[in-house]
Amino acid sequence: MVAVPALLRNSGRVVHGMILEANQINKKWSEILDDVLATYLPAPRTTTKAKIVPRRFWHLFWNAQPAQLPIIEHADFIASRMLLSKDPLAASWAITYLPASSIERTASLRQVNDRDRRWLRGLAQAMREGADT
């Protein structure tokens, strides 16, 4: 068995996770099959809704007061700063706590290059599709 890091959909959100892959061609596969079938995943953790951007990302908001930016009112601005920062932790946080509509609007900004625009639109679409399930 090999654990492979991946982005997964969870309750309409894209989250970091692991995919377990088994080499079914290997002759020893049958030796562990019963253990694999008996494996169960833990219940998903519920995440609380964030109200403001965490302090560790405040440096991205150099010309604003992040403590005074409620997410519910400023999600588009927060998404643009975090997703265009090239900080993977900021992007991960934004993907977890911001709505797909804000990510889609970030993709539409003039300063976004074609490559980033494609992944942001794909991400927003995956988040919307995950919300439908």
N, C-alpha and C. Protein backbone atom coordinates (compact mmCIF):
# COMPACT_ATOMS: atom_id res chain seq x y z
N MET A 1 0.84 -1.17 0.00
CA MET A 1 0.00 0.00 0.00
C MET A 1 0.89 1.24 0.00
N VAL A 2 0.45 2.24 -0.74
CA VAL A 2 1.17 3.50 -0.84
C VAL A 2 0.18 4.62 -0.57
N ALA A 3 0.55 5.57 0.28
CA ALA A 3 -0.27 6.75 0.54
C ALA A 3 0.19 7.87 -0.38
N VAL A 4 -0.74 8.40 -1.17
CA VAL A 4 -0.42 9.44 -2.14
C VAL A 4 -1.18 10.72 -1.75
N PRO A 5 -0.46 11.85 -1.52
CA PRO A 5 -1.16 13.09 -1.21
C PRO A 5 -2.02 13.55 -2.38
N ALA A 6 -3.18 14.12 -2.07
CA ALA A 6 -4.09 14.55 -3.14
C ALA A 6 -5.01 15.65 -2.62
N LEU A 7 -5.62 16.39 -3.55
CA LEU A 7 -6.70 17.32 -3.21
C LEU A 7 -8.01 16.58 -3.42
N LEU A 8 -8.86 16.60 -2.42
CA LEU A 8 -10.11 15.85 -2.45
C LEU A 8 -11.28 16.78 -2.19
N ARG A 9 -12.46 16.38 -2.65
CA ARG A 9 -13.66 17.15 -2.34
C ARG A 9 -14.27 16.59 -1.06
N ASN A 10 -14.69 17.48 -0.17
CA ASN A 10 -15.31 17.08 1.08
C ASN A 10 -16.39 18.09 1.41
N SER A 11 -17.61 17.69 1.31
CA SER A 11 -18.74 18.57 1.64
C SER A 11 -18.68 19.89 0.89
N GLY A 12 -18.38 19.83 -0.39
CA GLY A 12 -18.35 21.04 -1.20
C GLY A 12 -17.07 21.84 -1.11
N ARG A 13 -16.12 21.37 -0.35
CA ARG A 13 -14.83 22.04 -0.19
C ARG A 13 -13.73 21.14 -0.74
N VAL A 14 -12.69 21.74 -1.23
CA VAL A 14 -11.52 20.98 -1.66
C VAL A 14 -10.57 20.96 -0.47
N VAL A 15 -10.15 19.76 -0.08
CA VAL A 15 -9.28 19.61 1.09
C VAL A 15 -8.08 18.74 0.73
N HIS A 16 -7.03 18.88 1.54
CA HIS A 16 -5.86 18.03 1.38
C HIS A 16 -6.18 16.67 2.00
N GLY A 17 -5.75 15.61 1.36
CA GLY A 17 -5.98 14.28 1.90
C GLY A 17 -4.99 13.28 1.34
N MET A 18 -5.20 12.05 1.67
CA MET A 18 -4.34 10.97 1.19
C MET A 18 -5.21 9.94 0.49
N ILE A 19 -4.70 9.42 -0.60
CA ILE A 19 -5.34 8.32 -1.30
C ILE A 19 -4.45 7.10 -1.10
N LEU A 20 -5.03 6.02 -0.63
CA LEU A 20 -4.27 4.80 -0.47
C LEU A 20 -4.39 3.97 -1.74
N GLU A 21 -3.25 3.60 -2.29
CA GLU A 21 -3.24 2.81 -3.51
C GLU A 21 -2.58 1.46 -3.22
N ALA A 22 -3.21 0.41 -3.73
CA ALA A 22 -2.66 -0.93 -3.54
C ALA A 22 -2.26 -1.49 -4.90
N ASN A 23 -1.12 -2.14 -4.94
CA ASN A 23 -0.64 -2.78 -6.16
C ASN A 23 -1.31 -4.14 -6.27
N GLN A 24 -2.41 -4.20 -6.99
CA GLN A 24 -3.19 -5.44 -7.09
C GLN A 24 -2.53 -6.46 -8.01
N ILE A 25 -1.53 -6.06 -8.74
CA ILE A 25 -0.83 -6.99 -9.63
C ILE A 25 0.20 -7.82 -8.85
N ASN A 26 0.68 -7.27 -7.75
CA ASN A 26 1.68 -7.96 -6.93
C ASN A 26 1.10 -9.28 -6.41
N LYS A 27 1.90 -10.33 -6.39
CA LYS A 27 1.45 -11.65 -5.95
C LYS A 27 1.04 -11.66 -4.48
N LYS A 28 1.58 -10.75 -3.68
CA LYS A 28 1.26 -10.72 -2.26
C LYS A 28 -0.04 -9.99 -1.96
N TRP A 29 -0.70 -9.47 -2.97
CA TRP A 29 -1.95 -8.75 -2.80
C TRP A 29 -2.96 -9.59 -2.04
N SER A 30 -3.09 -10.85 -2.39
CA SER A 30 -4.10 -11.71 -1.75
C SER A 30 -3.82 -11.89 -0.26
N GLU A 31 -2.56 -11.73 0.17
CA GLU A 31 -2.22 -11.88 1.58
C GLU A 31 -2.78 -10.75 2.44
N ILE A 32 -2.94 -9.57 1.88
CA ILE A 32 -3.42 -8.44 2.67
C ILE A 32 -4.86 -8.05 2.32
N LEU A 33 -5.48 -8.75 1.40
CA LEU A 33 -6.83 -8.39 0.95
C LEU A 33 -7.82 -8.33 2.09
N ASP A 34 -7.81 -9.30 3.00
CA ASP A 34 -8.75 -9.29 4.11
C ASP A 34 -8.55 -8.06 5.01
N ASP A 35 -7.28 -7.70 5.23
CA ASP A 35 -7.00 -6.51 6.05
C ASP A 35 -7.49 -5.24 5.36
N VAL A 36 -7.30 -5.18 4.05
CA VAL A 36 -7.75 -4.01 3.29
C VAL A 36 -9.27 -3.90 3.36
N LEU A 37 -9.95 -5.01 3.18
CA LEU A 37 -11.42 -5.00 3.22
C LEU A 37 -11.95 -4.66 4.61
N ALA A 38 -11.21 -4.95 5.66
CA ALA A 38 -11.64 -4.67 7.02
C ALA A 38 -11.32 -3.23 7.45
N THR A 39 -10.61 -2.49 6.60
CA THR A 39 -10.22 -1.12 6.93
C THR A 39 -11.40 -0.18 6.77
N TYR A 40 -11.53 0.74 7.70
CA TYR A 40 -12.56 1.77 7.59
C TYR A 40 -11.94 3.12 7.86
N LEU A 41 -12.51 4.13 7.29
CA LEU A 41 -11.99 5.48 7.46
C LEU A 41 -12.66 6.14 8.66
N PRO A 42 -11.94 7.00 9.36
CA PRO A 42 -12.55 7.71 10.48
C PRO A 42 -13.60 8.69 9.97
N ALA A 43 -14.51 9.06 10.86
CA ALA A 43 -15.54 10.05 10.50
C ALA A 43 -14.86 11.35 10.12
N PRO A 44 -15.37 12.05 9.10
CA PRO A 44 -14.73 13.31 8.70
C PRO A 44 -14.83 14.34 9.81
N ARG A 45 -13.79 15.15 9.91
CA ARG A 45 -13.80 16.23 10.89
C ARG A 45 -14.65 17.37 10.35
N THR A 46 -15.37 17.99 11.22
CA THR A 46 -16.13 19.16 10.80
C THR A 46 -15.27 20.40 11.07
N THR A 47 -15.28 21.31 10.13
CA THR A 47 -14.52 22.53 10.32
C THR A 47 -15.47 23.65 10.69
N THR A 48 -15.03 24.48 11.59
CA THR A 48 -15.84 25.62 11.97
C THR A 48 -15.68 26.70 10.91
N LYS A 49 -16.67 27.52 10.81
CA LYS A 49 -16.60 28.63 9.85
C LYS A 49 -15.68 29.71 10.40
N ALA A 50 -14.74 30.13 9.60
CA ALA A 50 -13.85 31.21 10.00
C ALA A 50 -14.58 32.54 9.83
N LYS A 51 -14.32 33.45 10.73
CA LYS A 51 -14.94 34.77 10.65
C LYS A 51 -14.01 35.82 10.05
N ILE A 52 -12.69 35.68 10.34
CA ILE A 52 -11.70 36.58 9.77
C ILE A 52 -10.49 35.74 9.33
N VAL A 53 -9.61 36.36 8.58
CA VAL A 53 -8.38 35.71 8.12
C VAL A 53 -7.47 35.48 9.33
N PRO A 54 -6.88 34.29 9.45
CA PRO A 54 -5.97 34.05 10.57
C PRO A 54 -4.76 35.00 10.54
N ARG A 55 -4.25 35.31 11.72
CA ARG A 55 -3.14 36.25 11.87
C ARG A 55 -1.94 35.86 11.02
N ARG A 56 -1.69 34.57 10.82
CA ARG A 56 -0.50 34.14 10.08
C ARG A 56 -0.52 34.60 8.62
N PHE A 57 -1.68 35.05 8.12
CA PHE A 57 -1.78 35.52 6.73
C PHE A 57 -1.96 37.03 6.63
N TRP A 58 -1.90 37.73 7.73
CA TRP A 58 -2.14 39.18 7.70
C TRP A 58 -1.13 39.92 6.85
N HIS A 59 0.07 39.39 6.69
CA HIS A 59 1.08 40.08 5.87
C HIS A 59 0.63 40.22 4.41
N LEU A 60 -0.32 39.40 3.98
CA LEU A 60 -0.81 39.48 2.60
C LEU A 60 -1.73 40.69 2.40
N PHE A 61 -2.18 41.28 3.48
CA PHE A 61 -3.12 42.40 3.43
C PHE A 61 -2.41 43.67 3.91
N TRP A 62 -1.32 43.99 3.23
CA TRP A 62 -0.44 45.07 3.61
C TRP A 62 -1.11 46.44 3.63
N ASN A 63 -2.17 46.64 2.86
CA ASN A 63 -2.81 47.95 2.82
C ASN A 63 -4.24 47.91 3.37
N ALA A 64 -4.50 46.93 4.22
CA ALA A 64 -5.83 46.79 4.83
C ALA A 64 -5.66 46.34 6.28
N GLN A 65 -6.72 46.38 7.02
CA GLN A 65 -6.73 45.89 8.40
C GLN A 65 -7.44 44.53 8.41
N PRO A 66 -6.69 43.42 8.31
CA PRO A 66 -7.32 42.11 8.19
C PRO A 66 -8.28 41.76 9.32
N ALA A 67 -8.02 42.26 10.52
CA ALA A 67 -8.92 41.98 11.64
C ALA A 67 -10.28 42.63 11.43
N GLN A 68 -10.35 43.60 10.53
CA GLN A 68 -11.60 44.31 10.26
C GLN A 68 -12.21 43.90 8.92
N LEU A 69 -11.83 42.72 8.41
CA LEU A 69 -12.36 42.22 7.14
C LEU A 69 -13.16 40.95 7.39
N PRO A 70 -14.42 41.07 7.77
CA PRO A 70 -15.21 39.84 7.96
C PRO A 70 -15.30 39.07 6.64
N ILE A 71 -15.08 37.78 6.72
CA ILE A 71 -15.08 36.95 5.52
C ILE A 71 -16.41 37.04 4.78
N ILE A 72 -17.49 37.04 5.51
CA ILE A 72 -18.80 37.04 4.87
C ILE A 72 -18.99 38.28 3.97
N GLU A 73 -18.36 39.40 4.32
CA GLU A 73 -18.51 40.64 3.55
C GLU A 73 -17.38 40.87 2.53
N HIS A 74 -16.20 40.29 2.77
CA HIS A 74 -15.03 40.60 1.95
C HIS A 74 -14.38 39.36 1.34
N ALA A 75 -15.17 38.31 1.10
CA ALA A 75 -14.62 37.04 0.60
C ALA A 75 -13.89 37.21 -0.74
N ASP A 76 -14.39 38.05 -1.63
CA ASP A 76 -13.74 38.22 -2.93
C ASP A 76 -12.36 38.85 -2.78
N PHE A 77 -12.27 39.90 -1.97
CA PHE A 77 -10.98 40.57 -1.74
C PHE A 77 -10.00 39.61 -1.06
N ILE A 78 -10.46 38.89 -0.06
CA ILE A 78 -9.61 37.94 0.66
C ILE A 78 -9.14 36.84 -0.30
N ALA A 79 -10.04 36.33 -1.13
CA ALA A 79 -9.66 35.29 -2.10
C ALA A 79 -8.58 35.79 -3.04
N SER A 80 -8.73 36.99 -3.54
CA SER A 80 -7.74 37.50 -4.50
C SER A 80 -6.37 37.62 -3.85
N ARG A 81 -6.31 38.14 -2.64
CA ARG A 81 -5.02 38.29 -1.97
C ARG A 81 -4.38 36.94 -1.67
N MET A 82 -5.18 36.01 -1.20
CA MET A 82 -4.61 34.73 -0.76
C MET A 82 -4.28 33.82 -1.93
N LEU A 83 -5.13 33.76 -2.92
CA LEU A 83 -4.92 32.84 -4.04
C LEU A 83 -3.86 33.35 -5.02
N LEU A 84 -3.65 34.63 -5.08
CA LEU A 84 -2.66 35.18 -5.99
C LEU A 84 -1.32 35.43 -5.31
N SER A 85 -1.20 35.05 -4.05
CA SER A 85 0.02 35.32 -3.29
C SER A 85 1.14 34.33 -3.57
N LYS A 86 0.85 33.20 -4.15
CA LYS A 86 1.81 32.11 -4.40
C LYS A 86 2.22 31.42 -3.10
N ASP A 87 1.51 31.68 -2.01
CA ASP A 87 1.75 31.02 -0.73
C ASP A 87 0.82 29.80 -0.67
N PRO A 88 1.37 28.58 -0.70
CA PRO A 88 0.50 27.39 -0.73
C PRO A 88 -0.37 27.25 0.51
N LEU A 89 0.10 27.69 1.67
CA LEU A 89 -0.73 27.61 2.87
C LEU A 89 -1.90 28.59 2.81
N ALA A 90 -1.65 29.76 2.24
CA ALA A 90 -2.73 30.74 2.07
C ALA A 90 -3.76 30.21 1.08
N ALA A 91 -3.29 29.62 0.00
CA ALA A 91 -4.22 29.04 -0.99
C ALA A 91 -5.04 27.92 -0.36
N SER A 92 -4.39 27.08 0.42
CA SER A 92 -5.10 25.97 1.07
C SER A 92 -6.18 26.50 2.01
N TRP A 93 -5.84 27.53 2.78
CA TRP A 93 -6.83 28.11 3.69
C TRP A 93 -8.00 28.70 2.91
N ALA A 94 -7.69 29.42 1.84
CA ALA A 94 -8.73 30.04 1.03
C ALA A 94 -9.66 28.99 0.42
N ILE A 95 -9.09 27.90 -0.05
CA ILE A 95 -9.89 26.83 -0.65
C ILE A 95 -10.81 26.21 0.38
N THR A 96 -10.36 26.13 1.61
CA THR A 96 -11.14 25.50 2.67
C THR A 96 -12.26 26.40 3.17
N TYR A 97 -12.01 27.70 3.29
CA TYR A 97 -12.96 28.58 3.98
C TYR A 97 -13.71 29.58 3.11
N LEU A 98 -13.31 29.75 1.86
CA LEU A 98 -13.98 30.75 1.02
C LEU A 98 -14.90 30.08 0.02
N PRO A 99 -15.96 30.76 -0.39
CA PRO A 99 -16.90 30.16 -1.34
C PRO A 99 -16.34 30.07 -2.75
N ALA A 100 -16.86 29.12 -3.50
CA ALA A 100 -16.45 28.92 -4.89
C ALA A 100 -16.68 30.19 -5.72
N SER A 101 -17.72 30.93 -5.42
CA SER A 101 -18.01 32.15 -6.19
C SER A 101 -16.88 33.17 -6.06
N SER A 102 -16.25 33.27 -4.90
CA SER A 102 -15.13 34.20 -4.71
C SER A 102 -13.90 33.73 -5.48
N ILE A 103 -13.70 32.44 -5.53
CA ILE A 103 -12.57 31.89 -6.28
C ILE A 103 -12.80 32.12 -7.78
N GLU A 104 -14.03 31.94 -8.23
CA GLU A 104 -14.36 32.20 -9.63
C GLU A 104 -14.14 33.67 -9.98
N ARG A 105 -14.54 34.56 -9.11
CA ARG A 105 -14.34 36.00 -9.38
C ARG A 105 -12.86 36.36 -9.38
N THR A 106 -12.07 35.70 -8.53
CA THR A 106 -10.62 35.94 -8.56
C THR A 106 -10.06 35.53 -9.91
N ALA A 107 -10.55 34.43 -10.47
CA ALA A 107 -10.09 33.97 -11.79
C ALA A 107 -10.39 35.00 -12.87
N SER A 108 -11.39 35.81 -12.67
CA SER A 108 -11.80 36.79 -13.68
C SER A 108 -11.04 38.11 -13.60
N LEU A 109 -10.21 38.28 -12.59
CA LEU A 109 -9.47 39.54 -12.46
C LEU A 109 -8.49 39.73 -13.61
N ARG A 110 -8.28 40.96 -13.98
CA ARG A 110 -7.41 41.31 -15.11
C ARG A 110 -5.96 40.87 -14.91
N GLN A 111 -5.46 40.94 -13.68
CA GLN A 111 -4.04 40.63 -13.44
C GLN A 111 -3.74 39.14 -13.37
N VAL A 112 -4.74 38.29 -13.46
CA VAL A 112 -4.53 36.84 -13.37
C VAL A 112 -4.06 36.30 -14.72
N ASN A 113 -2.94 35.58 -14.71
CA ASN A 113 -2.43 35.00 -15.97
C ASN A 113 -3.27 33.79 -16.38
N ASP A 114 -3.12 33.36 -17.62
CA ASP A 114 -3.97 32.30 -18.17
C ASP A 114 -3.85 30.99 -17.38
N ARG A 115 -2.64 30.64 -16.97
CA ARG A 115 -2.44 29.38 -16.24
C ARG A 115 -3.20 29.41 -14.90
N ASP A 116 -3.05 30.50 -14.15
CA ASP A 116 -3.75 30.62 -12.88
C ASP A 116 -5.25 30.71 -13.08
N ARG A 117 -5.67 31.39 -14.14
CA ARG A 117 -7.10 31.50 -14.43
C ARG A 117 -7.70 30.11 -14.64
N ARG A 118 -7.00 29.24 -15.38
CA ARG A 118 -7.52 27.89 -15.63
C ARG A 118 -7.64 27.09 -14.34
N TRP A 119 -6.60 27.13 -13.48
CA TRP A 119 -6.70 26.30 -12.27
C TRP A 119 -7.72 26.87 -11.29
N LEU A 120 -7.87 28.20 -11.22
CA LEU A 120 -8.88 28.79 -10.34
C LEU A 120 -10.29 28.45 -10.81
N ARG A 121 -10.52 28.50 -12.11
CA ARG A 121 -11.86 28.15 -12.62
C ARG A 121 -12.15 26.67 -12.41
N GLY A 122 -11.14 25.83 -12.65
CA GLY A 122 -11.32 24.39 -12.40
C GLY A 122 -11.59 24.10 -10.94
N LEU A 123 -10.89 24.80 -10.07
CA LEU A 123 -11.09 24.64 -8.64
C LEU A 123 -12.50 25.06 -8.24
N ALA A 124 -12.94 26.20 -8.71
CA ALA A 124 -14.29 26.68 -8.38
C ALA A 124 -15.34 25.70 -8.89
N GLN A 125 -15.14 25.18 -10.08
CA GLN A 125 -16.09 24.20 -10.63
C GLN A 125 -16.11 22.93 -9.78
N ALA A 126 -14.95 22.44 -9.37
CA ALA A 126 -14.88 21.23 -8.53
C ALA A 126 -15.57 21.48 -7.19
N MET A 127 -15.41 22.68 -6.64
CA MET A 127 -16.05 22.99 -5.36
C MET A 127 -17.57 23.02 -5.51
N ARG A 128 -18.05 23.61 -6.62
CA ARG A 128 -19.50 23.64 -6.85
C ARG A 128 -20.06 22.24 -7.06
N GLU A 129 -19.35 21.42 -7.82
CA GLU A 129 -19.81 20.05 -8.06
C GLU A 129 -19.81 19.25 -6.77
N GLY A 130 -18.83 19.48 -5.91
CA GLY A 130 -18.78 18.81 -4.62
C GLY A 130 -19.95 19.21 -3.73
N ALA A 131 -20.39 20.45 -3.86
CA ALA A 131 -21.52 20.93 -3.06
C ALA A 131 -22.82 20.29 -3.52
N ASP A 132 -22.88 19.86 -4.77
CA ASP A 132 -24.08 19.25 -5.32
C ASP A 132 -24.26 17.80 -4.87
N THR A 133 -23.18 17.17 -4.40
CA THR A 133 -23.29 15.75 -4.02
C THR A 133 -23.74 15.57 -2.61
